[in-house]
Amino acid sequence: MIKKILFTFLLIALAADLAAAEKKFIKLPEPKIIGKMSVEESIFRRRSWRSFYPNDLSLEQLSQILWSAQGITEKSWGFRASPSAGSLYPLNLYVAKKDGVYEYIPDGHKLVEVTGEDRRTAIVRASLGQQFIGEAPCVIIVCGNFRISQAKFGQRSYRYINMEVGHAAENIHLQAVALGLASVSVGAFWDDVVAKVLELPETRDPFYIIPVGYPKSEQ
């Protein structure tokens, strides 16, 4: 009986190792800390944009945007680009593109594939049919885990995590402008449907959908 139980655990562990090995990882280029546009100009030029050309973002552009939101800026302590109450960092970033959905991993500055399917159309449906989301070549979804903050801050964690979502989103918007791109924050969507589309763990919730791309005239 004991041998049978041990054999079962061995099979489970082997299956988990195989699943991890099959995951696709993308190492992102190192982000730049000096750009061509000042913070002041990015703030001045930032607008919510809902019309995009289909041109893909380069890996360098995507790297810079993700780093600006949750990238590690101090390796000794693991501090990130956006402030976090208690330095708990409960947020997670997901990226939906034509070649699949990826989760951003700050440690190592890389992407891990969630699925190789283009889920942008499904995100449009989950977002009450806002078609411009599907037009954007890159859709960033800011997600988070309330339980991480709640364990330390109790009821106040609800306030803190929403603050952090705002910090990360604004960094994304300003970095997009500095790269010659445009973006918009979307808050109207069915949480449970978006969570299913992104294959989120039960402990994570979606808070913001941010399409990013090259701006096309809205007239």
N, C-alpha and C. Protein backbone atom coordinates (compact mmCIF):
# COMPACT_ATOMS: atom_id res chain seq x y z
N MET A 1 0.83 -1.20 0.00
CA MET A 1 0.00 0.00 0.00
C MET A 1 0.88 1.26 0.00
N ILE A 2 1.91 1.25 0.89
CA ILE A 2 2.80 2.41 0.98
C ILE A 2 3.55 2.60 -0.34
N LYS A 3 4.01 1.47 -0.94
CA LYS A 3 4.70 1.55 -2.22
C LYS A 3 3.80 2.14 -3.30
N LYS A 4 2.52 1.77 -3.25
CA LYS A 4 1.56 2.27 -4.24
C LYS A 4 1.37 3.78 -4.09
N ILE A 5 1.30 4.25 -2.83
CA ILE A 5 1.13 5.69 -2.57
C ILE A 5 2.36 6.46 -3.03
N LEU A 6 3.56 5.91 -2.71
CA LEU A 6 4.80 6.56 -3.12
C LEU A 6 4.92 6.62 -4.64
N PHE A 7 4.50 5.54 -5.30
CA PHE A 7 4.53 5.50 -6.76
C PHE A 7 3.59 6.55 -7.35
N THR A 8 2.43 6.73 -6.73
CA THR A 8 1.45 7.73 -7.19
C THR A 8 2.02 9.13 -7.07
N PHE A 9 2.66 9.43 -5.91
CA PHE A 9 3.28 10.73 -5.71
C PHE A 9 4.40 10.97 -6.72
N LEU A 10 5.13 9.91 -7.03
CA LEU A 10 6.22 10.01 -8.00
C LEU A 10 5.68 10.38 -9.38
N LEU A 11 4.57 9.75 -9.75
CA LEU A 11 3.94 10.05 -11.04
C LEU A 11 3.44 11.49 -11.10
N ILE A 12 2.86 11.96 -9.99
CA ILE A 12 2.36 13.34 -9.93
C ILE A 12 3.51 14.33 -10.07
N ALA A 13 4.60 14.06 -9.36
CA ALA A 13 5.77 14.94 -9.42
C ALA A 13 6.38 14.94 -10.82
N LEU A 14 6.42 13.77 -11.45
CA LEU A 14 6.96 13.67 -12.80
C LEU A 14 6.10 14.44 -13.78
N ALA A 15 4.80 14.33 -13.64
CA ALA A 15 3.87 15.06 -14.51
C ALA A 15 4.05 16.56 -14.36
N ALA A 16 4.25 17.02 -13.11
CA ALA A 16 4.46 18.45 -12.86
C ALA A 16 5.76 18.93 -13.49
N ASP A 17 6.81 18.12 -13.40
CA ASP A 17 8.09 18.47 -14.00
C ASP A 17 7.99 18.55 -15.51
N LEU A 18 7.26 17.62 -16.11
CA LEU A 18 7.08 17.63 -17.57
C LEU A 18 6.29 18.84 -18.02
N ALA A 19 5.26 19.19 -17.24
CA ALA A 19 4.44 20.36 -17.58
C ALA A 19 5.27 21.63 -17.51
N ALA A 20 6.13 21.73 -16.48
CA ALA A 20 6.99 22.90 -16.35
C ALA A 20 7.99 22.98 -17.49
N ALA A 21 8.50 21.82 -17.89
CA ALA A 21 9.49 21.78 -18.97
C ALA A 21 8.89 22.19 -20.30
N GLU A 22 7.60 21.93 -20.48
CA GLU A 22 6.93 22.24 -21.74
C GLU A 22 6.56 23.72 -21.85
N LYS A 23 6.62 24.46 -20.74
CA LYS A 23 6.27 25.86 -20.78
C LYS A 23 7.30 26.64 -21.59
N LYS A 24 6.79 27.61 -22.32
CA LYS A 24 7.66 28.43 -23.15
C LYS A 24 8.06 29.69 -22.39
N PHE A 25 9.36 29.90 -22.22
CA PHE A 25 9.87 31.09 -21.54
C PHE A 25 10.52 32.00 -22.57
N ILE A 26 10.32 33.30 -22.41
CA ILE A 26 10.96 34.29 -23.27
C ILE A 26 11.73 35.26 -22.39
N LYS A 27 13.05 35.27 -22.54
CA LYS A 27 13.88 36.22 -21.80
C LYS A 27 13.78 37.57 -22.49
N LEU A 28 13.36 38.58 -21.74
CA LEU A 28 13.17 39.91 -22.31
C LEU A 28 14.49 40.68 -22.34
N PRO A 29 14.65 41.58 -23.31
CA PRO A 29 15.86 42.42 -23.36
C PRO A 29 15.95 43.30 -22.11
N GLU A 30 17.14 43.67 -21.75
CA GLU A 30 17.34 44.54 -20.60
C GLU A 30 16.67 45.89 -20.84
N PRO A 31 15.90 46.39 -19.86
CA PRO A 31 15.25 47.69 -20.03
C PRO A 31 16.25 48.83 -19.94
N LYS A 32 15.91 49.95 -20.58
CA LYS A 32 16.75 51.14 -20.52
C LYS A 32 16.28 52.03 -19.37
N ILE A 33 17.21 52.73 -18.76
CA ILE A 33 16.83 53.66 -17.69
C ILE A 33 16.98 55.12 -18.12
N ILE A 34 17.41 55.33 -19.36
CA ILE A 34 17.47 56.67 -19.93
C ILE A 34 16.79 56.63 -21.29
N GLY A 35 15.77 57.49 -21.46
CA GLY A 35 15.02 57.50 -22.71
C GLY A 35 15.15 58.82 -23.45
N LYS A 36 14.42 58.92 -24.56
CA LYS A 36 14.49 60.11 -25.41
C LYS A 36 13.46 61.17 -25.01
N MET A 37 12.47 60.79 -24.19
CA MET A 37 11.43 61.72 -23.80
C MET A 37 11.41 61.89 -22.28
N SER A 38 11.23 63.11 -21.83
CA SER A 38 11.20 63.39 -20.40
C SER A 38 9.88 62.93 -19.79
N VAL A 39 9.88 62.75 -18.48
CA VAL A 39 8.64 62.41 -17.77
C VAL A 39 7.61 63.50 -17.99
N GLU A 40 8.05 64.77 -17.95
CA GLU A 40 7.13 65.89 -18.12
C GLU A 40 6.42 65.83 -19.48
N GLU A 41 7.19 65.51 -20.52
CA GLU A 41 6.59 65.46 -21.85
C GLU A 41 5.64 64.27 -21.98
N SER A 42 5.99 63.14 -21.36
CA SER A 42 5.10 61.98 -21.39
C SER A 42 3.77 62.29 -20.72
N ILE A 43 3.83 63.00 -19.60
CA ILE A 43 2.59 63.39 -18.90
C ILE A 43 1.76 64.32 -19.78
N PHE A 44 2.44 65.26 -20.42
CA PHE A 44 1.75 66.22 -21.27
C PHE A 44 1.07 65.55 -22.46
N ARG A 45 1.73 64.55 -23.06
CA ARG A 45 1.23 63.93 -24.28
C ARG A 45 0.27 62.76 -24.03
N ARG A 46 0.20 62.26 -22.81
CA ARG A 46 -0.63 61.08 -22.55
C ARG A 46 -2.12 61.36 -22.79
N ARG A 47 -2.74 60.49 -23.57
CA ARG A 47 -4.19 60.54 -23.81
C ARG A 47 -4.71 59.11 -23.86
N SER A 48 -5.96 58.92 -23.53
CA SER A 48 -6.59 57.60 -23.70
C SER A 48 -6.88 57.41 -25.18
N TRP A 49 -6.40 56.30 -25.75
CA TRP A 49 -6.50 56.08 -27.20
C TRP A 49 -7.20 54.77 -27.47
N ARG A 50 -8.12 54.80 -28.42
CA ARG A 50 -8.95 53.62 -28.68
C ARG A 50 -8.94 53.19 -30.15
N SER A 51 -7.87 53.53 -30.84
CA SER A 51 -7.73 53.11 -32.23
C SER A 51 -6.26 52.84 -32.51
N PHE A 52 -5.97 51.63 -33.00
CA PHE A 52 -4.57 51.21 -33.12
C PHE A 52 -4.29 50.58 -34.49
N TYR A 53 -3.06 50.77 -34.96
CA TYR A 53 -2.57 50.01 -36.11
C TYR A 53 -2.22 48.60 -35.62
N PRO A 54 -2.28 47.62 -36.51
CA PRO A 54 -2.03 46.23 -36.08
C PRO A 54 -0.56 45.88 -35.90
N ASN A 55 0.35 46.82 -36.20
CA ASN A 55 1.78 46.54 -36.12
C ASN A 55 2.16 46.00 -34.75
N ASP A 56 2.93 44.91 -34.74
CA ASP A 56 3.37 44.32 -33.48
C ASP A 56 4.36 45.22 -32.75
N LEU A 57 4.34 45.17 -31.46
CA LEU A 57 5.37 45.82 -30.66
C LEU A 57 6.63 44.98 -30.72
N SER A 58 7.77 45.63 -30.67
CA SER A 58 9.02 44.88 -30.62
C SER A 58 9.19 44.30 -29.22
N LEU A 59 10.05 43.32 -29.10
CA LEU A 59 10.32 42.72 -27.80
C LEU A 59 10.95 43.75 -26.86
N GLU A 60 11.72 44.67 -27.43
CA GLU A 60 12.33 45.73 -26.63
C GLU A 60 11.26 46.66 -26.06
N GLN A 61 10.26 47.00 -26.87
CA GLN A 61 9.18 47.87 -26.39
C GLN A 61 8.37 47.18 -25.30
N LEU A 62 8.03 45.92 -25.52
CA LEU A 62 7.27 45.17 -24.53
C LEU A 62 8.05 45.04 -23.24
N SER A 63 9.33 44.78 -23.36
CA SER A 63 10.20 44.67 -22.19
C SER A 63 10.17 45.94 -21.37
N GLN A 64 10.28 47.08 -22.05
CA GLN A 64 10.32 48.36 -21.36
C GLN A 64 9.00 48.66 -20.64
N ILE A 65 7.90 48.35 -21.29
CA ILE A 65 6.57 48.63 -20.71
C ILE A 65 6.32 47.76 -19.48
N LEU A 66 6.61 46.49 -19.57
CA LEU A 66 6.38 45.59 -18.44
C LEU A 66 7.29 45.95 -17.27
N TRP A 67 8.53 46.27 -17.59
CA TRP A 67 9.47 46.68 -16.54
C TRP A 67 8.99 47.94 -15.84
N SER A 68 8.43 48.89 -16.59
CA SER A 68 7.98 50.14 -15.99
C SER A 68 6.86 49.93 -14.99
N ALA A 69 6.12 48.84 -15.13
CA ALA A 69 4.99 48.57 -14.24
C ALA A 69 5.35 47.71 -13.05
N GLN A 70 6.13 46.65 -13.27
CA GLN A 70 6.44 45.71 -12.20
C GLN A 70 7.87 45.20 -12.22
N GLY A 71 8.72 45.84 -13.02
CA GLY A 71 10.10 45.39 -13.10
C GLY A 71 10.88 45.64 -11.83
N ILE A 72 11.87 44.81 -11.58
CA ILE A 72 12.72 44.96 -10.40
C ILE A 72 13.75 46.06 -10.66
N THR A 73 13.77 47.06 -9.78
CA THR A 73 14.66 48.20 -9.94
C THR A 73 15.77 48.23 -8.89
N GLU A 74 15.70 47.33 -7.92
CA GLU A 74 16.73 47.24 -6.87
C GLU A 74 16.86 45.77 -6.50
N LYS A 75 17.92 45.14 -6.96
CA LYS A 75 18.01 43.69 -6.88
C LYS A 75 18.24 43.16 -5.46
N SER A 76 18.91 43.93 -4.63
CA SER A 76 19.20 43.45 -3.27
C SER A 76 17.93 43.20 -2.46
N TRP A 77 16.98 44.13 -2.57
CA TRP A 77 15.74 44.03 -1.81
C TRP A 77 14.55 43.62 -2.67
N GLY A 78 14.73 43.59 -3.98
CA GLY A 78 13.64 43.21 -4.86
C GLY A 78 12.61 44.29 -5.07
N PHE A 79 12.98 45.55 -4.81
CA PHE A 79 12.03 46.64 -5.01
C PHE A 79 11.68 46.75 -6.49
N ARG A 80 10.43 47.16 -6.74
CA ARG A 80 9.95 47.23 -8.13
C ARG A 80 9.66 48.67 -8.58
N ALA A 81 9.34 48.81 -9.85
CA ALA A 81 9.13 50.13 -10.44
C ALA A 81 7.91 50.85 -9.87
N SER A 82 6.92 50.11 -9.43
CA SER A 82 5.72 50.70 -8.81
C SER A 82 5.74 50.44 -7.32
N PRO A 83 5.35 51.44 -6.52
CA PRO A 83 5.34 51.25 -5.07
C PRO A 83 4.28 50.25 -4.63
N SER A 84 4.56 49.57 -3.52
CA SER A 84 3.64 48.56 -3.01
C SER A 84 3.61 48.63 -1.49
N ALA A 85 2.42 48.61 -0.90
CA ALA A 85 2.26 48.65 0.55
C ALA A 85 2.98 47.46 1.19
N GLY A 86 3.91 47.75 2.08
CA GLY A 86 4.66 46.69 2.73
C GLY A 86 5.61 45.95 1.83
N SER A 87 5.84 46.47 0.62
CA SER A 87 6.69 45.80 -0.38
C SER A 87 6.25 44.35 -0.60
N LEU A 88 4.94 44.13 -0.63
CA LEU A 88 4.41 42.78 -0.79
C LEU A 88 4.22 42.41 -2.26
N TYR A 89 4.01 43.38 -3.11
CA TYR A 89 3.87 43.19 -4.55
C TYR A 89 2.87 42.09 -4.91
N PRO A 90 1.59 42.35 -4.69
CA PRO A 90 0.55 41.35 -4.97
C PRO A 90 0.07 41.34 -6.42
N LEU A 91 0.63 42.21 -7.27
CA LEU A 91 0.15 42.31 -8.65
C LEU A 91 0.85 41.32 -9.57
N ASN A 92 0.12 40.95 -10.63
CA ASN A 92 0.65 40.10 -11.69
C ASN A 92 0.23 40.69 -13.03
N LEU A 93 1.14 40.70 -13.99
CA LEU A 93 0.82 41.23 -15.32
C LEU A 93 0.72 40.09 -16.32
N TYR A 94 -0.33 40.16 -17.14
CA TYR A 94 -0.50 39.21 -18.23
C TYR A 94 -0.53 39.98 -19.55
N VAL A 95 -0.01 39.35 -20.59
CA VAL A 95 0.05 39.98 -21.90
C VAL A 95 -0.64 39.08 -22.92
N ALA A 96 -1.62 39.64 -23.63
CA ALA A 96 -2.31 38.91 -24.69
C ALA A 96 -1.89 39.47 -26.04
N LYS A 97 -1.35 38.60 -26.89
CA LYS A 97 -0.91 38.98 -28.23
C LYS A 97 -1.43 37.94 -29.22
N LYS A 98 -1.10 38.14 -30.49
CA LYS A 98 -1.60 37.21 -31.51
C LYS A 98 -0.97 35.83 -31.37
N ASP A 99 0.22 35.77 -30.74
CA ASP A 99 0.89 34.48 -30.59
C ASP A 99 0.63 33.84 -29.23
N GLY A 100 -0.30 34.40 -28.45
CA GLY A 100 -0.66 33.75 -27.20
C GLY A 100 -0.79 34.68 -26.02
N VAL A 101 -0.96 34.09 -24.85
CA VAL A 101 -1.06 34.82 -23.59
C VAL A 101 0.15 34.47 -22.74
N TYR A 102 0.76 35.48 -22.14
CA TYR A 102 1.96 35.28 -21.34
C TYR A 102 1.82 35.97 -19.98
N GLU A 103 2.47 35.41 -18.98
CA GLU A 103 2.57 36.07 -17.68
C GLU A 103 3.97 36.65 -17.55
N TYR A 104 4.03 37.88 -17.05
CA TYR A 104 5.32 38.52 -16.83
C TYR A 104 5.88 38.10 -15.48
N ILE A 105 7.13 37.65 -15.49
CA ILE A 105 7.82 37.24 -14.28
C ILE A 105 8.91 38.27 -13.99
N PRO A 106 8.72 39.13 -12.98
CA PRO A 106 9.74 40.15 -12.68
C PRO A 106 11.10 39.56 -12.35
N ASP A 107 11.13 38.48 -11.60
CA ASP A 107 12.39 37.83 -11.23
C ASP A 107 12.98 37.16 -12.47
N GLY A 108 13.98 37.77 -13.03
CA GLY A 108 14.56 37.26 -14.27
C GLY A 108 14.08 38.01 -15.49
N HIS A 109 13.09 38.92 -15.30
CA HIS A 109 12.58 39.76 -16.39
C HIS A 109 12.28 38.92 -17.63
N LYS A 110 11.24 38.08 -17.49
CA LYS A 110 10.92 37.16 -18.58
C LYS A 110 9.41 36.95 -18.67
N LEU A 111 9.00 36.32 -19.75
CA LEU A 111 7.61 35.93 -19.96
C LEU A 111 7.51 34.41 -19.92
N VAL A 112 6.41 33.92 -19.38
CA VAL A 112 6.13 32.49 -19.44
C VAL A 112 4.78 32.31 -20.13
N GLU A 113 4.75 31.41 -21.09
CA GLU A 113 3.54 31.21 -21.88
C GLU A 113 2.44 30.54 -21.06
N VAL A 114 1.25 31.12 -21.16
CA VAL A 114 0.06 30.52 -20.56
C VAL A 114 -0.66 29.67 -21.59
N THR A 115 -0.78 30.21 -22.80
CA THR A 115 -1.37 29.49 -23.92
C THR A 115 -0.83 30.07 -25.22
N GLY A 116 -0.72 29.26 -26.24
CA GLY A 116 -0.26 29.73 -27.54
C GLY A 116 -1.38 30.26 -28.42
N GLU A 117 -2.60 30.33 -27.87
CA GLU A 117 -3.76 30.80 -28.62
C GLU A 117 -3.91 32.32 -28.51
N ASP A 118 -4.41 32.94 -29.58
CA ASP A 118 -4.75 34.36 -29.56
C ASP A 118 -6.09 34.52 -28.84
N ARG A 119 -6.08 35.06 -27.64
CA ARG A 119 -7.28 35.19 -26.83
C ARG A 119 -7.85 36.61 -26.84
N ARG A 120 -7.36 37.48 -27.72
CA ARG A 120 -7.81 38.87 -27.71
C ARG A 120 -9.30 39.00 -28.06
N THR A 121 -9.79 38.19 -28.98
CA THR A 121 -11.21 38.23 -29.32
C THR A 121 -12.06 37.83 -28.13
N ALA A 122 -11.60 36.85 -27.39
CA ALA A 122 -12.32 36.42 -26.19
C ALA A 122 -12.32 37.52 -25.13
N ILE A 123 -11.22 38.27 -25.06
CA ILE A 123 -11.16 39.39 -24.12
C ILE A 123 -12.13 40.49 -24.53
N VAL A 124 -12.26 40.71 -25.83
CA VAL A 124 -13.25 41.68 -26.33
C VAL A 124 -14.65 41.29 -25.89
N ARG A 125 -15.00 40.03 -26.06
CA ARG A 125 -16.33 39.56 -25.64
C ARG A 125 -16.52 39.72 -24.14
N ALA A 126 -15.46 39.44 -23.39
CA ALA A 126 -15.54 39.56 -21.93
C ALA A 126 -15.60 41.02 -21.49
N SER A 127 -15.25 41.94 -22.40
CA SER A 127 -15.22 43.37 -22.09
C SER A 127 -16.38 44.11 -22.74
N LEU A 128 -17.52 43.43 -22.84
CA LEU A 128 -18.76 44.04 -23.34
C LEU A 128 -18.64 44.49 -24.79
N GLY A 129 -17.80 43.79 -25.57
CA GLY A 129 -17.71 44.05 -27.00
C GLY A 129 -16.92 45.29 -27.38
N GLN A 130 -15.99 45.72 -26.57
CA GLN A 130 -15.17 46.89 -26.90
C GLN A 130 -14.10 46.48 -27.92
N GLN A 131 -14.43 46.70 -29.19
CA GLN A 131 -13.64 46.14 -30.29
C GLN A 131 -12.21 46.63 -30.35
N PHE A 132 -11.97 47.84 -29.88
CA PHE A 132 -10.60 48.38 -29.98
C PHE A 132 -9.60 47.55 -29.18
N ILE A 133 -10.09 46.81 -28.20
CA ILE A 133 -9.19 45.95 -27.43
C ILE A 133 -8.57 44.90 -28.34
N GLY A 134 -9.39 44.34 -29.23
CA GLY A 134 -8.91 43.32 -30.15
C GLY A 134 -8.04 43.88 -31.26
N GLU A 135 -8.16 45.19 -31.53
CA GLU A 135 -7.33 45.82 -32.56
C GLU A 135 -5.90 46.04 -32.08
N ALA A 136 -5.73 46.23 -30.79
CA ALA A 136 -4.40 46.50 -30.25
C ALA A 136 -3.52 45.26 -30.36
N PRO A 137 -2.28 45.42 -30.80
CA PRO A 137 -1.39 44.27 -30.94
C PRO A 137 -0.97 43.68 -29.60
N CYS A 138 -1.11 44.47 -28.54
CA CYS A 138 -0.70 44.03 -27.21
C CYS A 138 -1.75 44.47 -26.18
N VAL A 139 -2.23 43.53 -25.41
CA VAL A 139 -3.21 43.83 -24.36
C VAL A 139 -2.62 43.38 -23.03
N ILE A 140 -2.41 44.34 -22.15
CA ILE A 140 -1.86 44.03 -20.83
C ILE A 140 -3.00 43.98 -19.82
N ILE A 141 -3.04 42.93 -19.05
CA ILE A 141 -4.08 42.79 -18.02
C ILE A 141 -3.40 42.79 -16.66
N VAL A 142 -3.76 43.78 -15.85
CA VAL A 142 -3.20 43.89 -14.50
C VAL A 142 -4.08 43.07 -13.56
N CYS A 143 -3.49 42.08 -12.95
CA CYS A 143 -4.21 41.20 -12.02
C CYS A 143 -3.55 41.26 -10.65
N GLY A 144 -4.20 40.65 -9.66
CA GLY A 144 -3.61 40.68 -8.34
C GLY A 144 -4.24 39.68 -7.39
N ASN A 145 -3.57 39.51 -6.27
CA ASN A 145 -4.00 38.56 -5.25
C ASN A 145 -4.27 39.31 -3.94
N PHE A 146 -5.54 39.50 -3.62
CA PHE A 146 -5.92 40.21 -2.40
C PHE A 146 -5.37 39.54 -1.15
N ARG A 147 -5.26 38.22 -1.20
CA ARG A 147 -4.88 37.47 0.00
C ARG A 147 -3.49 37.84 0.49
N ILE A 148 -2.61 38.21 -0.43
CA ILE A 148 -1.24 38.57 -0.04
C ILE A 148 -1.25 39.81 0.84
N SER A 149 -2.00 40.83 0.43
CA SER A 149 -2.08 42.06 1.21
C SER A 149 -2.96 41.90 2.44
N GLN A 150 -4.01 41.11 2.27
CA GLN A 150 -4.97 40.95 3.37
C GLN A 150 -4.35 40.29 4.59
N ALA A 151 -3.39 39.39 4.35
CA ALA A 151 -2.74 38.70 5.47
C ALA A 151 -2.02 39.67 6.39
N LYS A 152 -1.59 40.81 5.85
CA LYS A 152 -0.86 41.79 6.67
C LYS A 152 -1.72 42.99 7.04
N PHE A 153 -2.58 43.44 6.11
CA PHE A 153 -3.29 44.69 6.32
C PHE A 153 -4.79 44.55 6.56
N GLY A 154 -5.30 43.34 6.51
CA GLY A 154 -6.72 43.14 6.78
C GLY A 154 -7.61 43.87 5.78
N GLN A 155 -8.66 44.52 6.27
CA GLN A 155 -9.63 45.18 5.39
C GLN A 155 -9.00 46.29 4.56
N ARG A 156 -7.95 46.89 5.09
CA ARG A 156 -7.33 48.00 4.37
C ARG A 156 -6.61 47.54 3.10
N SER A 157 -6.43 46.24 2.97
CA SER A 157 -5.76 45.71 1.78
C SER A 157 -6.52 46.05 0.51
N TYR A 158 -7.85 46.16 0.61
CA TYR A 158 -8.66 46.51 -0.57
C TYR A 158 -8.24 47.87 -1.10
N ARG A 159 -8.03 48.82 -0.19
CA ARG A 159 -7.60 50.16 -0.60
C ARG A 159 -6.19 50.10 -1.19
N TYR A 160 -5.30 49.40 -0.53
CA TYR A 160 -3.91 49.38 -0.96
C TYR A 160 -3.72 48.75 -2.33
N ILE A 161 -4.40 47.64 -2.58
CA ILE A 161 -4.18 46.95 -3.85
C ILE A 161 -4.72 47.76 -5.02
N ASN A 162 -5.82 48.49 -4.78
CA ASN A 162 -6.34 49.35 -5.84
C ASN A 162 -5.41 50.53 -6.11
N MET A 163 -4.78 51.05 -5.06
CA MET A 163 -3.75 52.08 -5.26
C MET A 163 -2.63 51.55 -6.15
N GLU A 164 -2.20 50.34 -5.87
CA GLU A 164 -1.08 49.75 -6.60
C GLU A 164 -1.41 49.51 -8.06
N VAL A 165 -2.65 49.11 -8.31
CA VAL A 165 -3.09 48.94 -9.70
C VAL A 165 -2.98 50.27 -10.44
N GLY A 166 -3.38 51.36 -9.77
CA GLY A 166 -3.27 52.69 -10.39
C GLY A 166 -1.83 53.09 -10.65
N HIS A 167 -0.95 52.80 -9.68
CA HIS A 167 0.48 53.11 -9.88
C HIS A 167 1.01 52.39 -11.12
N ALA A 168 0.76 51.09 -11.20
CA ALA A 168 1.28 50.29 -12.31
C ALA A 168 0.70 50.74 -13.65
N ALA A 169 -0.61 51.02 -13.66
CA ALA A 169 -1.26 51.43 -14.90
C ALA A 169 -0.70 52.75 -15.42
N GLU A 170 -0.52 53.71 -14.53
CA GLU A 170 0.01 55.00 -14.97
C GLU A 170 1.42 54.86 -15.51
N ASN A 171 2.22 54.02 -14.90
CA ASN A 171 3.57 53.79 -15.42
C ASN A 171 3.52 53.20 -16.83
N ILE A 172 2.57 52.29 -17.06
CA ILE A 172 2.40 51.71 -18.39
C ILE A 172 2.04 52.79 -19.40
N HIS A 173 1.08 53.65 -19.04
CA HIS A 173 0.65 54.70 -19.96
C HIS A 173 1.79 55.66 -20.30
N LEU A 174 2.53 56.10 -19.30
CA LEU A 174 3.60 57.07 -19.55
C LEU A 174 4.76 56.45 -20.31
N GLN A 175 5.07 55.19 -20.01
CA GLN A 175 6.13 54.52 -20.75
C GLN A 175 5.72 54.30 -22.20
N ALA A 176 4.46 53.97 -22.43
CA ALA A 176 3.97 53.80 -23.80
C ALA A 176 4.14 55.08 -24.60
N VAL A 177 3.77 56.22 -24.02
CA VAL A 177 3.93 57.50 -24.71
C VAL A 177 5.40 57.75 -25.04
N ALA A 178 6.28 57.48 -24.09
CA ALA A 178 7.72 57.70 -24.29
C ALA A 178 8.28 56.84 -25.42
N LEU A 179 7.59 55.75 -25.74
CA LEU A 179 8.04 54.85 -26.81
C LEU A 179 7.31 55.10 -28.13
N GLY A 180 6.52 56.18 -28.17
CA GLY A 180 5.78 56.49 -29.39
C GLY A 180 4.52 55.67 -29.56
N LEU A 181 4.02 55.12 -28.46
CA LEU A 181 2.82 54.28 -28.49
C LEU A 181 1.67 54.97 -27.76
N ALA A 182 0.53 54.32 -27.75
CA ALA A 182 -0.64 54.85 -27.05
C ALA A 182 -1.33 53.72 -26.31
N SER A 183 -2.18 54.08 -25.35
CA SER A 183 -2.84 53.08 -24.52
C SER A 183 -4.11 53.65 -23.93
N VAL A 184 -4.88 52.79 -23.29
CA VAL A 184 -6.10 53.22 -22.60
C VAL A 184 -6.42 52.19 -21.52
N SER A 185 -6.94 52.67 -20.40
CA SER A 185 -7.36 51.76 -19.33
C SER A 185 -8.81 51.38 -19.51
N VAL A 186 -9.09 50.09 -19.38
CA VAL A 186 -10.46 49.57 -19.51
C VAL A 186 -10.84 48.89 -18.20
N GLY A 187 -11.94 49.33 -17.62
CA GLY A 187 -12.40 48.73 -16.37
C GLY A 187 -13.72 48.00 -16.48
N ALA A 188 -14.36 48.10 -17.67
CA ALA A 188 -15.67 47.47 -17.87
C ALA A 188 -15.48 46.09 -18.48
N PHE A 189 -15.60 45.06 -17.66
CA PHE A 189 -15.49 43.68 -18.14
C PHE A 189 -16.03 42.74 -17.07
N TRP A 190 -16.34 41.52 -17.50
CA TRP A 190 -16.78 40.49 -16.56
C TRP A 190 -15.54 39.82 -15.98
N ASP A 191 -15.35 40.02 -14.69
CA ASP A 191 -14.14 39.51 -14.04
C ASP A 191 -13.96 38.01 -14.23
N ASP A 192 -15.03 37.26 -14.01
CA ASP A 192 -14.91 35.81 -14.05
C ASP A 192 -14.59 35.30 -15.45
N VAL A 193 -15.11 36.00 -16.47
CA VAL A 193 -14.85 35.57 -17.85
C VAL A 193 -13.40 35.87 -18.23
N VAL A 194 -12.92 37.06 -17.86
CA VAL A 194 -11.53 37.41 -18.14
C VAL A 194 -10.59 36.43 -17.42
N ALA A 195 -10.92 36.12 -16.18
CA ALA A 195 -10.10 35.17 -15.41
C ALA A 195 -10.03 33.82 -16.11
N LYS A 196 -11.15 33.39 -16.67
CA LYS A 196 -11.18 32.11 -17.38
C LYS A 196 -10.37 32.17 -18.68
N VAL A 197 -10.49 33.28 -19.39
CA VAL A 197 -9.76 33.45 -20.65
C VAL A 197 -8.25 33.41 -20.40
N LEU A 198 -7.82 34.03 -19.30
CA LEU A 198 -6.39 34.09 -18.99
C LEU A 198 -5.90 32.86 -18.22
N GLU A 199 -6.83 31.98 -17.86
CA GLU A 199 -6.52 30.79 -17.08
C GLU A 199 -5.85 31.17 -15.75
N LEU A 200 -6.43 32.18 -15.09
CA LEU A 200 -5.88 32.65 -13.82
C LEU A 200 -6.09 31.63 -12.71
N PRO A 201 -5.15 31.56 -11.79
CA PRO A 201 -5.37 30.76 -10.57
C PRO A 201 -6.55 31.36 -9.79
N GLU A 202 -7.17 30.58 -8.94
CA GLU A 202 -8.32 31.06 -8.17
C GLU A 202 -7.97 32.23 -7.27
N THR A 203 -6.72 32.36 -6.91
CA THR A 203 -6.31 33.41 -5.98
C THR A 203 -6.09 34.76 -6.67
N ARG A 204 -6.18 34.81 -7.99
CA ARG A 204 -5.92 36.06 -8.71
C ARG A 204 -7.18 36.61 -9.35
N ASP A 205 -7.28 37.94 -9.36
CA ASP A 205 -8.41 38.64 -9.97
C ASP A 205 -7.90 39.66 -10.97
N PRO A 206 -8.63 39.86 -12.08
CA PRO A 206 -8.25 40.91 -13.04
C PRO A 206 -8.79 42.27 -12.59
N PHE A 207 -7.97 43.33 -12.70
CA PHE A 207 -8.39 44.66 -12.28
C PHE A 207 -8.46 45.66 -13.42
N TYR A 208 -7.55 45.55 -14.35
CA TYR A 208 -7.45 46.54 -15.43
C TYR A 208 -7.07 45.83 -16.72
N ILE A 209 -7.65 46.27 -17.82
CA ILE A 209 -7.24 45.83 -19.15
C ILE A 209 -6.67 47.04 -19.87
N ILE A 210 -5.45 46.93 -20.37
CA ILE A 210 -4.79 48.07 -21.00
C ILE A 210 -4.29 47.69 -22.39
N PRO A 211 -5.04 48.03 -23.44
CA PRO A 211 -4.55 47.82 -24.81
C PRO A 211 -3.41 48.82 -25.10
N VAL A 212 -2.39 48.35 -25.77
CA VAL A 212 -1.25 49.19 -26.12
C VAL A 212 -0.90 48.97 -27.58
N GLY A 213 -0.61 50.06 -28.31
CA GLY A 213 -0.21 49.91 -29.70
C GLY A 213 0.13 51.23 -30.33
N TYR A 214 0.37 51.19 -31.64
CA TYR A 214 0.66 52.42 -32.38
C TYR A 214 -0.64 53.15 -32.63
N PRO A 215 -0.73 54.44 -32.25
CA PRO A 215 -2.00 55.16 -32.35
C PRO A 215 -2.41 55.44 -33.79
N LYS A 216 -3.67 55.19 -34.07
CA LYS A 216 -4.25 55.49 -35.37
C LYS A 216 -5.28 56.59 -35.17
N SER A 217 -5.40 57.50 -36.11
CA SER A 217 -6.34 58.61 -35.99
C SER A 217 -7.74 58.07 -35.70
N GLU A 218 -8.40 58.66 -34.71
CA GLU A 218 -9.74 58.22 -34.33
C GLU A 218 -10.82 58.95 -35.10
N GLN A 219 -10.45 59.88 -36.00
CA GLN A 219 -11.44 60.63 -36.76
C GLN A 219 -11.93 59.84 -37.96
